[in-house]
Amino acid sequence: MSELRARLAGVREKLTTAIDAVEKDTGASPVLLAVVREFDAKLSKAEANDELGSNGAVREGVVEAEQAADSAKVAAEADPGVDEGARQTVLDAHYAICVLKAEI
C-alpha cells in the first residue's frame, strides 16, 4: 500500500466514524448529514483517482474533499441538536483531511 493510499485510508476511517455517528444522532440536522455525505463523495473521488495512479487528480480530489470537510465542520459547529460526540467525529475527520492536504 502506498503512503498516500494509507493516509487516505486514515481519513476514510475517521470519516466513516463521523458518518455513522451523525446518522445515528437523532438530533443531527438533515443539513449536517447532507454535508457529511458530500465530504464522503469527494473523498471517494480522491480514493478512486489514487487507484488510477493519477497524483495530480488525487491532489485535486483531496482539495475538493477538504472544501467539503470545511462545510461539514461549519455545519457541525452550527447544529444545535447534534450530540457533542457526533460533532467531534466530524471535526476529527475535518482535521485529518486538512493535515493530508497540507502534507501532499
Protein backbone atom coordinates (compact mmCIF):
# COMPACT_ATOMS: atom_id res chain seq x y z
CA MET A 1 0.00 0.00 0.00
CA SER A 2 1.39 3.37 -0.96
CA GLU A 3 1.92 6.00 1.71
CA LEU A 4 -0.75 8.21 0.13
CA ARG A 5 -3.21 5.33 -0.01
CA ALA A 6 -2.55 4.63 3.67
CA ARG A 7 -3.10 8.29 4.51
CA LEU A 8 -6.36 8.34 2.55
CA ALA A 9 -7.41 5.21 4.44
CA GLY A 10 -6.80 7.03 7.72
CA VAL A 11 -9.05 9.89 6.63
CA ARG A 12 -11.64 7.36 5.41
CA GLU A 13 -11.66 5.69 8.83
CA LYS A 14 -12.33 8.98 10.61
CA LEU A 15 -14.98 9.97 8.07
CA THR A 16 -16.74 6.61 8.34
CA THR A 17 -16.88 7.10 12.10
CA ALA A 18 -18.35 10.58 11.57
CA ILE A 19 -20.96 9.36 9.09
CA ASP A 20 -22.05 6.60 11.46
CA ALA A 21 -22.25 8.99 14.41
CA VAL A 22 -24.24 11.64 12.52
CA GLU A 23 -26.61 9.06 11.01
CA LYS A 24 -27.32 7.60 14.46
CA ASP A 25 -27.75 11.00 16.12
CA THR A 26 -31.46 11.76 16.05
CA GLY A 27 -30.75 15.38 16.96
CA ALA A 28 -28.48 15.99 13.98
CA SER A 29 -29.98 18.12 11.25
CA PRO A 30 -30.57 16.87 7.70
CA VAL A 31 -28.22 19.63 6.54
CA LEU A 32 -25.37 18.25 8.63
CA LEU A 33 -25.98 14.76 7.31
CA ALA A 34 -26.03 16.05 3.74
CA VAL A 35 -22.73 17.91 4.01
CA VAL A 36 -21.04 14.96 5.73
CA ARG A 37 -22.21 12.74 2.87
CA GLU A 38 -20.85 15.29 0.37
CA PHE A 39 -17.49 15.07 2.13
CA ASP A 40 -17.77 11.30 1.72
CA ALA A 41 -18.45 11.64 -2.02
CA LYS A 42 -15.47 13.93 -2.52
CA LEU A 43 -13.17 11.65 -0.55
CA SER A 44 -14.36 8.71 -2.65
CA LYS A 45 -13.32 10.64 -5.75
CA ALA A 46 -9.81 11.16 -4.35
CA GLU A 47 -9.58 7.47 -3.46
CA ALA A 48 -10.67 6.45 -6.96
CA ASN A 49 -8.07 8.73 -8.51
CA ASP A 50 -5.40 7.20 -6.27
CA GLU A 51 -6.35 3.74 -7.53
CA LEU A 52 -5.87 5.03 -11.08
CA GLY A 53 -2.41 6.29 -10.16
CA SER A 54 -3.07 9.93 -11.03
CA ASN A 55 -1.23 12.01 -8.43
CA GLY A 56 -2.46 15.33 -9.83
CA ALA A 57 -6.05 14.11 -9.79
CA VAL A 58 -5.59 12.74 -6.27
CA ARG A 59 -4.38 16.14 -5.07
CA GLU A 60 -7.35 17.79 -6.77
CA GLY A 61 -9.67 15.28 -5.11
CA VAL A 62 -8.10 15.91 -1.71
CA VAL A 63 -8.57 19.67 -2.19
CA GLU A 64 -12.24 19.12 -3.08
CA ALA A 65 -12.68 16.80 -0.10
CA GLU A 66 -11.11 19.38 2.19
CA GLN A 67 -13.52 22.03 0.90
CA ALA A 68 -16.44 19.70 1.59
CA ALA A 69 -14.96 18.97 5.02
CA ASP A 70 -14.90 22.71 5.73
CA SER A 71 -18.65 22.80 5.07
CA ALA A 72 -19.19 19.77 7.30
CA LYS A 73 -17.19 21.41 10.09
CA VAL A 74 -19.24 24.61 9.88
CA ALA A 75 -22.48 22.62 9.83
CA ALA A 76 -21.41 20.52 12.82
CA GLU A 77 -20.45 23.60 14.81
CA ALA A 78 -23.72 25.38 13.94
CA ASP A 79 -26.10 22.46 14.51
CA PRO A 80 -27.70 22.99 17.93
CA GLY A 81 -29.19 19.48 18.02
CA VAL A 82 -26.13 17.38 17.27
CA ASP A 83 -24.61 15.39 20.11
CA GLU A 84 -21.16 16.57 21.20
CA GLY A 85 -19.63 13.19 20.41
CA ALA A 86 -21.00 13.19 16.87
CA ARG A 87 -19.85 16.78 16.41
CA GLN A 88 -16.34 15.82 17.49
CA THR A 89 -16.16 12.96 14.99
CA VAL A 90 -16.91 15.44 12.17
CA LEU A 91 -14.24 17.80 13.49
CA ASP A 92 -11.76 14.91 13.68
CA ALA A 93 -12.44 13.92 10.06
CA HIS A 94 -12.09 17.56 9.00
CA TYR A 95 -8.74 17.83 10.76
CA ALA A 96 -7.49 14.61 9.16
CA ILE A 97 -8.19 15.80 5.59
CA CYS A 98 -6.69 19.24 6.35
CA VAL A 99 -3.46 17.65 7.55
CA LEU A 100 -3.34 15.38 4.50
CA LYS A 101 -3.89 18.30 2.13
CA ALA A 102 -1.13 20.32 3.81
CA GLU A 103 1.34 17.46 3.51
CA ILE A 104 0.84 16.31 -0.08
